[in-house]
N, C-alpha and C. Protein backbone atom coordinates (compact mmCIF):
# COMPACT_ATOMS: atom_id res chain seq x y z
N MET A 1 24.63 -27.24 -1.19
CA MET A 1 24.99 -26.97 -2.44
C MET A 1 23.61 -26.84 -3.00
N THR A 2 22.98 -25.44 -3.67
CA THR A 2 22.07 -25.14 -4.18
C THR A 2 21.78 -25.72 -5.48
N LEU A 3 21.08 -26.19 -6.27
CA LEU A 3 21.07 -26.82 -6.99
C LEU A 3 19.74 -25.69 -7.88
N LYS A 4 19.71 -25.07 -7.87
CA LYS A 4 18.02 -24.10 -8.46
C LYS A 4 18.58 -23.61 -9.29
N PRO A 5 17.50 -23.68 -11.12
CA PRO A 5 17.53 -23.71 -12.07
C PRO A 5 18.22 -21.80 -12.23
N LEU A 6 19.01 -21.85 -12.91
CA LEU A 6 19.71 -20.68 -13.30
C LEU A 6 19.43 -20.64 -15.03
N ASN A 7 18.06 -20.03 -15.09
CA ASN A 7 18.08 -19.39 -17.16
C ASN A 7 19.68 -18.24 -17.22
N ILE A 8 20.86 -18.94 -18.80
CA ILE A 8 21.47 -18.10 -19.31
C ILE A 8 20.81 -17.80 -20.40
N GLY A 9 20.03 -18.01 -21.00
CA GLY A 9 19.68 -17.08 -22.12
C GLY A 9 18.70 -18.31 -22.85
N PHE A 10 17.41 -17.76 -23.26
CA PHE A 10 17.59 -18.66 -24.92
C PHE A 10 16.58 -20.58 -24.31
N GLY A 11 16.08 -20.74 -23.27
CA GLY A 11 15.17 -21.52 -22.81
C GLY A 11 16.19 -22.67 -22.15
N ASN A 12 17.66 -21.97 -22.05
CA ASN A 12 19.05 -22.78 -21.82
C ASN A 12 18.94 -22.42 -19.75
N ILE A 13 19.28 -23.51 -19.25
CA ILE A 13 19.28 -23.15 -18.05
C ILE A 13 20.96 -24.09 -17.59
N VAL A 14 20.80 -23.80 -16.49
CA VAL A 14 22.08 -24.29 -15.36
C VAL A 14 22.15 -24.12 -14.08
N PRO A 15 22.64 -25.36 -13.08
CA PRO A 15 22.21 -25.23 -12.30
C PRO A 15 23.18 -24.45 -11.17
N SER A 16 22.28 -23.98 -10.01
CA SER A 16 23.09 -22.16 -10.02
C SER A 16 24.29 -22.40 -8.84
N GLY A 17 24.40 -23.58 -8.28
CA GLY A 17 25.33 -24.31 -7.05
C GLY A 17 26.71 -25.32 -8.11
N ARG A 18 26.78 -24.88 -9.45
CA ARG A 18 27.78 -25.44 -9.80
C ARG A 18 28.49 -24.46 -10.55
N ILE A 19 28.13 -22.90 -10.61
CA ILE A 19 29.03 -22.05 -11.06
C ILE A 19 29.76 -21.93 -10.31
N VAL A 20 30.68 -21.77 -11.53
CA VAL A 20 31.99 -21.24 -9.95
C VAL A 20 32.61 -19.65 -10.73
N SER A 21 32.25 -19.54 -11.92
CA SER A 21 32.37 -17.82 -11.77
C SER A 21 31.61 -17.51 -13.73
N ILE A 22 31.68 -15.80 -13.35
CA ILE A 22 30.90 -15.80 -14.48
C ILE A 22 31.53 -14.26 -15.41
N VAL A 23 31.92 -14.14 -16.14
CA VAL A 23 33.18 -13.20 -16.53
C VAL A 23 33.03 -13.11 -18.03
N GLN A 24 33.40 -11.47 -18.68
CA GLN A 24 32.95 -11.10 -19.55
C GLN A 24 33.77 -12.12 -21.12
N ALA A 25 33.72 -12.08 -21.73
CA ALA A 25 33.91 -12.55 -23.25
C ALA A 25 34.36 -11.39 -23.69
N ASP A 26 35.25 -10.57 -23.80
CA ASP A 26 35.92 -9.65 -24.62
C ASP A 26 37.31 -9.76 -24.40
N SER A 27 38.26 -10.28 -23.96
CA SER A 27 39.57 -10.11 -23.47
C SER A 27 40.51 -10.89 -24.34
N ALA A 28 41.40 -10.64 -24.63
CA ALA A 28 42.49 -11.36 -25.89
C ALA A 28 41.92 -13.55 -24.42
N PRO A 29 42.52 -13.23 -23.31
CA PRO A 29 42.94 -14.41 -22.54
C PRO A 29 41.63 -15.17 -22.42
N THR A 30 40.53 -14.46 -22.59
CA THR A 30 38.95 -15.53 -22.53
C THR A 30 38.66 -16.23 -23.32
N LYS A 31 38.88 -15.26 -24.47
CA LYS A 31 39.02 -16.66 -25.50
C LYS A 31 39.61 -17.54 -26.12
N ARG A 32 41.06 -17.71 -25.15
CA ARG A 32 41.89 -18.26 -25.65
C ARG A 32 41.46 -19.80 -24.48
N MET A 33 40.61 -18.88 -23.74
CA MET A 33 39.92 -20.28 -22.26
C MET A 33 39.14 -20.28 -23.67
N ILE A 34 37.93 -20.20 -24.17
CA ILE A 34 36.72 -20.83 -25.26
C ILE A 34 37.77 -21.20 -25.46
N GLN A 35 39.37 -20.91 -27.02
CA GLN A 35 39.36 -21.80 -27.09
C GLN A 35 39.48 -22.89 -27.12
N GLU A 36 40.45 -23.36 -26.10
CA GLU A 36 41.22 -24.25 -25.46
C GLU A 36 39.76 -24.94 -24.92
N ALA A 37 38.72 -24.51 -24.03
CA ALA A 37 37.57 -25.42 -24.20
C ALA A 37 37.05 -25.31 -25.68
N ARG A 38 37.51 -25.31 -26.46
CA ARG A 38 36.66 -25.78 -27.44
C ARG A 38 37.54 -26.71 -27.68
N GLU A 39 39.37 -27.08 -27.94
CA GLU A 39 39.49 -27.56 -28.40
C GLU A 39 39.09 -29.40 -27.85
N ARG A 40 39.87 -29.48 -25.92
CA ARG A 40 39.11 -30.06 -25.12
C ARG A 40 37.96 -30.53 -25.30
N HIS A 41 36.64 -30.87 -25.81
CA HIS A 41 35.82 -30.45 -25.81
C HIS A 41 34.78 -30.19 -24.60
N MET A 42 34.98 -29.42 -24.19
CA MET A 42 34.50 -28.91 -22.98
C MET A 42 33.81 -27.31 -22.28
N LEU A 43 32.59 -27.09 -24.24
CA LEU A 43 32.33 -25.70 -23.78
C LEU A 43 31.04 -26.52 -25.05
N VAL A 44 30.54 -25.54 -23.60
CA VAL A 44 28.54 -25.35 -24.17
C VAL A 44 28.31 -24.11 -25.08
N ASP A 45 27.88 -23.78 -26.16
CA ASP A 45 27.72 -23.00 -27.18
C ASP A 45 25.70 -22.80 -26.29
N ALA A 46 25.58 -21.59 -25.39
CA ALA A 46 23.67 -21.69 -25.59
C ALA A 46 23.99 -20.29 -25.74
N THR A 47 24.26 -19.35 -27.04
CA THR A 47 24.14 -17.92 -27.25
C THR A 47 22.97 -18.25 -28.71
N ASN A 48 23.13 -19.41 -29.16
CA ASN A 48 21.74 -19.42 -30.29
C ASN A 48 21.83 -18.67 -31.21
N GLY A 49 23.37 -18.83 -31.49
CA GLY A 49 23.96 -17.70 -33.19
C GLY A 49 23.90 -16.21 -32.67
N ARG A 50 23.46 -16.21 -31.08
CA ARG A 50 24.34 -14.07 -30.80
C ARG A 50 25.47 -14.18 -30.36
N LYS A 51 26.53 -12.74 -30.59
CA LYS A 51 27.38 -12.73 -30.07
C LYS A 51 27.30 -12.90 -28.67
N THR A 52 28.49 -13.47 -28.07
CA THR A 52 28.79 -14.56 -26.45
C THR A 52 29.52 -13.55 -25.97
N ARG A 53 28.10 -12.94 -25.10
CA ARG A 53 28.50 -11.42 -24.43
C ARG A 53 29.47 -12.49 -22.11
N SER A 54 29.38 -13.56 -22.32
CA SER A 54 29.54 -13.64 -20.85
C SER A 54 29.88 -14.96 -20.90
N ILE A 55 30.96 -15.62 -20.42
CA ILE A 55 30.89 -17.56 -20.23
C ILE A 55 31.72 -17.45 -18.83
N ILE A 56 30.03 -18.67 -18.93
CA ILE A 56 29.94 -18.98 -17.58
C ILE A 56 30.80 -20.05 -17.44
N LEU A 57 31.43 -20.78 -16.14
CA LEU A 57 32.78 -21.61 -15.83
C LEU A 57 32.22 -22.81 -14.55
N VAL A 58 31.71 -23.40 -15.13
CA VAL A 58 30.88 -24.93 -13.54
C VAL A 58 32.38 -25.80 -12.75
N ASP A 59 32.05 -25.52 -12.27
CA ASP A 59 32.43 -26.43 -11.95
C ASP A 59 33.38 -28.39 -12.35
N SER A 60 32.38 -28.32 -13.39
CA SER A 60 33.33 -29.27 -14.22
C SER A 60 34.35 -29.27 -14.23
N GLU A 61 33.99 -27.50 -15.21
CA GLU A 61 35.50 -27.45 -15.62
C GLU A 61 35.49 -26.86 -16.26
N HIS A 62 33.82 -27.66 -17.73
CA HIS A 62 33.02 -27.08 -18.82
C HIS A 62 33.03 -25.10 -18.67
N LEU A 63 33.27 -24.64 -19.98
CA LEU A 63 32.71 -23.48 -20.20
C LEU A 63 31.61 -23.74 -20.47
N ILE A 64 30.66 -22.16 -20.11
CA ILE A 64 28.84 -21.90 -20.99
C ILE A 64 29.19 -20.88 -21.54
N LEU A 65 28.53 -20.56 -23.00
CA LEU A 65 28.68 -19.20 -23.67
C LEU A 65 26.80 -19.01 -22.93
N SER A 66 27.07 -17.66 -22.93
CA SER A 66 25.65 -16.83 -23.23
C SER A 66 25.47 -16.08 -23.57
N ALA A 67 24.82 -15.33 -24.23
CA ALA A 67 24.57 -14.45 -24.83
C ALA A 67 23.68 -12.58 -24.01
N ILE A 68 23.98 -13.05 -22.73
CA ILE A 68 23.72 -12.43 -21.53
C ILE A 68 24.94 -11.55 -21.18
N HIS A 69 24.52 -10.42 -21.09
CA HIS A 69 26.25 -9.63 -20.09
C HIS A 69 26.03 -10.36 -18.74
N PRO A 70 26.97 -10.53 -18.28
CA PRO A 70 27.15 -11.36 -16.67
C PRO A 70 26.50 -10.27 -15.72
N GLU A 71 26.47 -9.36 -15.88
CA GLU A 71 25.66 -7.59 -14.95
C GLU A 71 24.29 -9.07 -15.24
N THR A 72 23.89 -9.28 -15.89
CA THR A 72 22.12 -10.10 -15.94
C THR A 72 22.29 -11.28 -15.72
N VAL A 73 23.65 -11.99 -16.14
CA VAL A 73 23.32 -13.45 -15.44
C VAL A 73 23.63 -13.19 -13.12
N ALA A 74 24.35 -12.80 -13.21
CA ALA A 74 24.40 -12.41 -11.38
C ALA A 74 22.92 -11.85 -11.31
N GLN A 75 22.30 -11.09 -11.30
CA GLN A 75 21.02 -10.11 -10.81
C GLN A 75 20.35 -11.94 -11.10
N ARG A 76 20.30 -12.26 -12.33
CA ARG A 76 19.62 -13.77 -11.96
C ARG A 76 19.72 -14.31 -11.34
N LEU A 77 20.82 -15.08 -11.00
CA LEU A 77 22.04 -15.25 -9.84
C LEU A 77 21.45 -14.73 -8.25
N ASP A 78 20.65 -13.83 -8.19
CA ASP A 78 20.61 -13.48 -6.55
C ASP A 78 19.72 -14.11 -6.50
N THR A 79 18.83 -13.70 -7.21
CA THR A 79 16.64 -13.83 -6.58
C THR A 79 16.44 -15.12 -7.67
């Protein structure tokens, strides 16, 4: 497992080896995931007050909200 840092916007960094999935934040099921994570205190908001465009699920079951498009996060993950 690599722990290469991944920039998810606004100076926020996630260890890339901990990422399980990256999804868009515009559907009803993902909005429910966000609400459930907030209630369980497992939500990290890294949007800096901007619109949430992607949700990053990590192996600790935390959800990380990012204002960066999922495609952009995935491209950063590949490099």
